[in-house]
Amino acid sequence: MVRWILLFILLLIVGRLFWRVVDGVIEAAGGTSRTRRTPTRRPSVRLVRDPVCGRHVAPASALSLAAEGTTHYFCSEKCRAEFKKRR
């Protein structure tokens, strides 16, 4: 019984490897493999540097402050308050 289970597991592994090779050949030939039909990459996000602590933050989720015609982005309220003190 154990022998049959091990044989079954071995056949599953060999079958999986075979299909991965087939997918690679299809992709190399210019086709689309079945595992890569949907894009997996997300669009990149532009990051800006916090002028106080130097961390990089996404402008959409960062705190901001307009000063001297420029918008500055901050990672926290503490950094924004520190920036206000310096100005």
N, C-alpha and C. Protein backbone atom coordinates (compact mmCIF):
# COMPACT_ATOMS: atom_id res chain seq x y z
N MET A 1 0.82 -1.19 0.00
CA MET A 1 0.00 0.00 0.00
C MET A 1 0.87 1.26 0.00
N VAL A 2 1.91 1.26 0.84
CA VAL A 2 2.80 2.42 0.91
C VAL A 2 3.49 2.63 -0.42
N ARG A 3 3.82 1.54 -1.09
CA ARG A 3 4.49 1.61 -2.37
C ARG A 3 3.61 2.32 -3.40
N TRP A 4 2.32 2.05 -3.42
CA TRP A 4 1.39 2.68 -4.36
C TRP A 4 1.23 4.17 -4.07
N ILE A 5 1.20 4.51 -2.80
CA ILE A 5 1.09 5.92 -2.43
C ILE A 5 2.33 6.69 -2.88
N LEU A 6 3.50 6.13 -2.64
CA LEU A 6 4.74 6.78 -3.06
C LEU A 6 4.82 6.88 -4.58
N LEU A 7 4.37 5.84 -5.29
CA LEU A 7 4.35 5.87 -6.74
C LEU A 7 3.40 6.96 -7.25
N PHE A 8 2.25 7.09 -6.62
CA PHE A 8 1.28 8.13 -6.98
C PHE A 8 1.87 9.52 -6.76
N ILE A 9 2.52 9.73 -5.64
CA ILE A 9 3.15 11.03 -5.36
C ILE A 9 4.25 11.32 -6.38
N LEU A 10 5.04 10.32 -6.71
CA LEU A 10 6.10 10.49 -7.71
C LEU A 10 5.51 10.85 -9.07
N LEU A 11 4.41 10.21 -9.46
CA LEU A 11 3.77 10.53 -10.73
C LEU A 11 3.21 11.95 -10.73
N LEU A 12 2.67 12.40 -9.62
CA LEU A 12 2.19 13.77 -9.52
C LEU A 12 3.33 14.77 -9.70
N ILE A 13 4.45 14.50 -9.07
CA ILE A 13 5.60 15.40 -9.18
C ILE A 13 6.12 15.42 -10.60
N VAL A 14 6.25 14.27 -11.22
CA VAL A 14 6.75 14.20 -12.60
C VAL A 14 5.77 14.89 -13.55
N GLY A 15 4.48 14.68 -13.35
CA GLY A 15 3.48 15.35 -14.18
C GLY A 15 3.54 16.86 -14.05
N ARG A 16 3.69 17.33 -12.84
CA ARG A 16 3.78 18.78 -12.60
C ARG A 16 5.03 19.35 -13.28
N LEU A 17 6.15 18.68 -13.14
CA LEU A 17 7.38 19.14 -13.80
C LEU A 17 7.23 19.15 -15.32
N PHE A 18 6.57 18.14 -15.86
CA PHE A 18 6.35 18.06 -17.30
C PHE A 18 5.55 19.27 -17.78
N TRP A 19 4.47 19.61 -17.08
CA TRP A 19 3.65 20.74 -17.51
C TRP A 19 4.37 22.07 -17.34
N ARG A 20 5.24 22.17 -16.37
CA ARG A 20 6.04 23.40 -16.23
C ARG A 20 7.00 23.56 -17.40
N VAL A 21 7.57 22.45 -17.85
CA VAL A 21 8.45 22.49 -19.03
C VAL A 21 7.65 22.87 -20.26
N VAL A 22 6.46 22.29 -20.43
CA VAL A 22 5.62 22.62 -21.57
C VAL A 22 5.25 24.10 -21.55
N ASP A 23 4.87 24.64 -20.39
CA ASP A 23 4.56 26.06 -20.26
C ASP A 23 5.76 26.92 -20.64
N GLY A 24 6.95 26.53 -20.22
CA GLY A 24 8.15 27.28 -20.57
C GLY A 24 8.42 27.29 -22.06
N VAL A 25 8.19 26.16 -22.71
CA VAL A 25 8.39 26.07 -24.16
C VAL A 25 7.37 26.95 -24.88
N ILE A 26 6.13 26.91 -24.44
CA ILE A 26 5.08 27.74 -25.06
C ILE A 26 5.41 29.22 -24.89
N GLU A 27 5.83 29.60 -23.70
CA GLU A 27 6.16 31.00 -23.44
C GLU A 27 7.37 31.44 -24.26
N ALA A 28 8.37 30.58 -24.37
CA ALA A 28 9.57 30.92 -25.15
C ALA A 28 9.26 31.04 -26.63
N ALA A 29 8.25 30.31 -27.09
CA ALA A 29 7.88 30.36 -28.50
C ALA A 29 7.03 31.58 -28.82
N GLY A 30 6.74 32.39 -27.81
CA GLY A 30 5.98 33.62 -28.04
C GLY A 30 4.53 33.52 -27.67
N GLY A 31 4.11 32.38 -27.19
CA GLY A 31 2.73 32.22 -26.76
C GLY A 31 2.58 32.63 -25.31
N THR A 32 1.38 32.45 -24.82
CA THR A 32 1.12 32.77 -23.42
C THR A 32 0.96 31.48 -22.66
N SER A 33 1.72 31.31 -21.61
CA SER A 33 1.58 30.10 -20.81
C SER A 33 0.31 30.20 -19.98
N ARG A 34 -0.21 29.09 -19.55
CA ARG A 34 -1.48 29.11 -18.82
C ARG A 34 -1.33 29.72 -17.44
N THR A 35 -0.12 29.77 -16.90
CA THR A 35 0.06 30.35 -15.58
C THR A 35 0.26 31.85 -15.62
N ARG A 36 0.51 32.42 -16.79
CA ARG A 36 0.80 33.86 -16.88
C ARG A 36 -0.19 34.59 -17.77
N ARG A 37 -1.41 34.17 -17.80
CA ARG A 37 -2.41 34.83 -18.64
C ARG A 37 -2.86 36.15 -18.05
N THR A 38 -2.88 36.24 -16.74
CA THR A 38 -3.28 37.49 -16.10
C THR A 38 -2.03 38.19 -15.60
N PRO A 39 -1.96 39.49 -15.77
CA PRO A 39 -0.77 40.21 -15.30
C PRO A 39 -0.68 40.16 -13.78
N THR A 40 0.51 39.90 -13.27
CA THR A 40 0.70 39.82 -11.83
C THR A 40 1.36 41.06 -11.27
N ARG A 41 1.88 41.91 -12.12
CA ARG A 41 2.55 43.11 -11.64
C ARG A 41 1.55 44.21 -11.37
N ARG A 42 1.78 44.88 -10.30
CA ARG A 42 0.96 46.05 -9.98
C ARG A 42 1.64 47.27 -10.56
N PRO A 43 0.86 48.28 -10.87
CA PRO A 43 1.51 49.50 -11.36
C PRO A 43 2.40 50.10 -10.28
N SER A 44 3.51 50.65 -10.68
CA SER A 44 4.44 51.21 -9.71
C SER A 44 3.87 52.49 -9.10
N VAL A 45 4.29 52.77 -7.89
CA VAL A 45 3.83 53.95 -7.17
C VAL A 45 5.03 54.87 -6.99
N ARG A 46 4.85 56.13 -7.30
CA ARG A 46 5.91 57.12 -7.12
C ARG A 46 6.01 57.44 -5.64
N LEU A 47 7.18 57.36 -5.10
CA LEU A 47 7.41 57.67 -3.69
C LEU A 47 8.10 59.02 -3.57
N VAL A 48 7.81 59.70 -2.47
CA VAL A 48 8.46 60.98 -2.18
C VAL A 48 9.15 60.87 -0.83
N ARG A 49 10.16 61.69 -0.64
CA ARG A 49 10.95 61.62 0.60
C ARG A 49 10.43 62.61 1.62
N ASP A 50 10.28 62.13 2.85
CA ASP A 50 9.90 62.99 3.97
C ASP A 50 11.10 63.89 4.26
N PRO A 51 10.91 65.24 4.25
CA PRO A 51 12.06 66.14 4.43
C PRO A 51 12.62 66.14 5.85
N VAL A 52 11.90 65.58 6.82
CA VAL A 52 12.38 65.59 8.20
C VAL A 52 13.17 64.33 8.52
N CYS A 53 12.54 63.18 8.35
CA CYS A 53 13.21 61.93 8.76
C CYS A 53 13.83 61.17 7.59
N GLY A 54 13.46 61.52 6.36
CA GLY A 54 14.07 60.88 5.20
C GLY A 54 13.36 59.63 4.72
N ARG A 55 12.28 59.23 5.34
CA ARG A 55 11.55 58.04 4.89
C ARG A 55 10.88 58.32 3.55
N HIS A 56 10.67 57.27 2.78
CA HIS A 56 9.95 57.39 1.53
C HIS A 56 8.49 57.02 1.79
N VAL A 57 7.59 57.85 1.29
CA VAL A 57 6.15 57.63 1.49
C VAL A 57 5.42 57.81 0.17
N ALA A 58 4.27 57.14 0.06
CA ALA A 58 3.41 57.31 -1.11
C ALA A 58 2.58 58.57 -0.90
N PRO A 59 2.54 59.46 -1.86
CA PRO A 59 1.80 60.72 -1.68
C PRO A 59 0.32 60.51 -1.36
N ALA A 60 -0.27 59.45 -1.86
CA ALA A 60 -1.70 59.21 -1.62
C ALA A 60 -2.00 58.93 -0.16
N SER A 61 -1.06 58.34 0.57
CA SER A 61 -1.32 57.99 1.96
C SER A 61 -0.54 58.87 2.95
N ALA A 62 0.20 59.84 2.44
CA ALA A 62 1.04 60.67 3.31
C ALA A 62 0.31 61.94 3.74
N LEU A 63 0.78 62.51 4.83
CA LEU A 63 0.31 63.82 5.26
C LEU A 63 1.05 64.85 4.42
N SER A 64 0.39 65.96 4.12
CA SER A 64 1.04 66.95 3.26
C SER A 64 0.94 68.34 3.85
N LEU A 65 1.79 69.22 3.35
CA LEU A 65 1.81 70.61 3.77
C LEU A 65 2.33 71.43 2.60
N ALA A 66 1.57 72.45 2.22
CA ALA A 66 2.01 73.33 1.14
C ALA A 66 2.76 74.50 1.75
N ALA A 67 4.01 74.69 1.34
CA ALA A 67 4.84 75.78 1.84
C ALA A 67 5.68 76.33 0.71
N GLU A 68 5.64 77.63 0.55
CA GLU A 68 6.44 78.32 -0.46
C GLU A 68 6.21 77.79 -1.87
N GLY A 69 4.96 77.48 -2.19
CA GLY A 69 4.63 77.01 -3.53
C GLY A 69 4.97 75.56 -3.80
N THR A 70 5.42 74.83 -2.80
CA THR A 70 5.78 73.43 -2.95
C THR A 70 5.00 72.60 -1.94
N THR A 71 4.56 71.43 -2.37
CA THR A 71 3.88 70.52 -1.46
C THR A 71 4.90 69.55 -0.89
N HIS A 72 4.95 69.47 0.43
CA HIS A 72 5.85 68.55 1.13
C HIS A 72 5.00 67.42 1.72
N TYR A 73 5.54 66.20 1.68
CA TYR A 73 4.82 65.03 2.19
C TYR A 73 5.55 64.47 3.39
N PHE A 74 4.77 63.98 4.38
CA PHE A 74 5.34 63.52 5.65
C PHE A 74 4.78 62.16 6.01
N CYS A 75 5.60 61.38 6.73
CA CYS A 75 5.18 60.05 7.15
C CYS A 75 4.30 60.09 8.39
N SER A 76 4.42 61.14 9.20
CA SER A 76 3.64 61.21 10.44
C SER A 76 3.36 62.66 10.81
N GLU A 77 2.46 62.81 11.75
CA GLU A 77 2.14 64.15 12.25
C GLU A 77 3.33 64.75 12.98
N LYS A 78 4.13 63.90 13.62
CA LYS A 78 5.33 64.37 14.33
C LYS A 78 6.31 65.03 13.36
N CYS A 79 6.53 64.42 12.21
CA CYS A 79 7.45 65.00 11.22
C CYS A 79 6.88 66.29 10.64
N ARG A 80 5.56 66.32 10.42
CA ARG A 80 4.95 67.54 9.88
C ARG A 80 5.07 68.69 10.88
N ALA A 81 4.86 68.39 12.18
CA ALA A 81 4.99 69.43 13.21
C ALA A 81 6.44 69.92 13.32
N GLU A 82 7.39 69.02 13.22
CA GLU A 82 8.81 69.39 13.26
C GLU A 82 9.16 70.30 12.08
N PHE A 83 8.62 69.98 10.92
CA PHE A 83 8.86 70.80 9.73
C PHE A 83 8.28 72.20 9.91
N LYS A 84 7.07 72.28 10.49
CA LYS A 84 6.44 73.58 10.75
C LYS A 84 7.27 74.42 11.71
N LYS A 85 7.87 73.77 12.73
CA LYS A 85 8.72 74.49 13.69
C LYS A 85 9.95 75.09 13.01
N ARG A 86 10.51 74.36 12.08
CA ARG A 86 11.73 74.82 11.40
C ARG A 86 11.44 76.00 10.47
N ARG A 87 10.25 76.11 9.97
CA ARG A 87 9.91 77.18 9.00
C ARG A 87 9.57 78.44 9.69
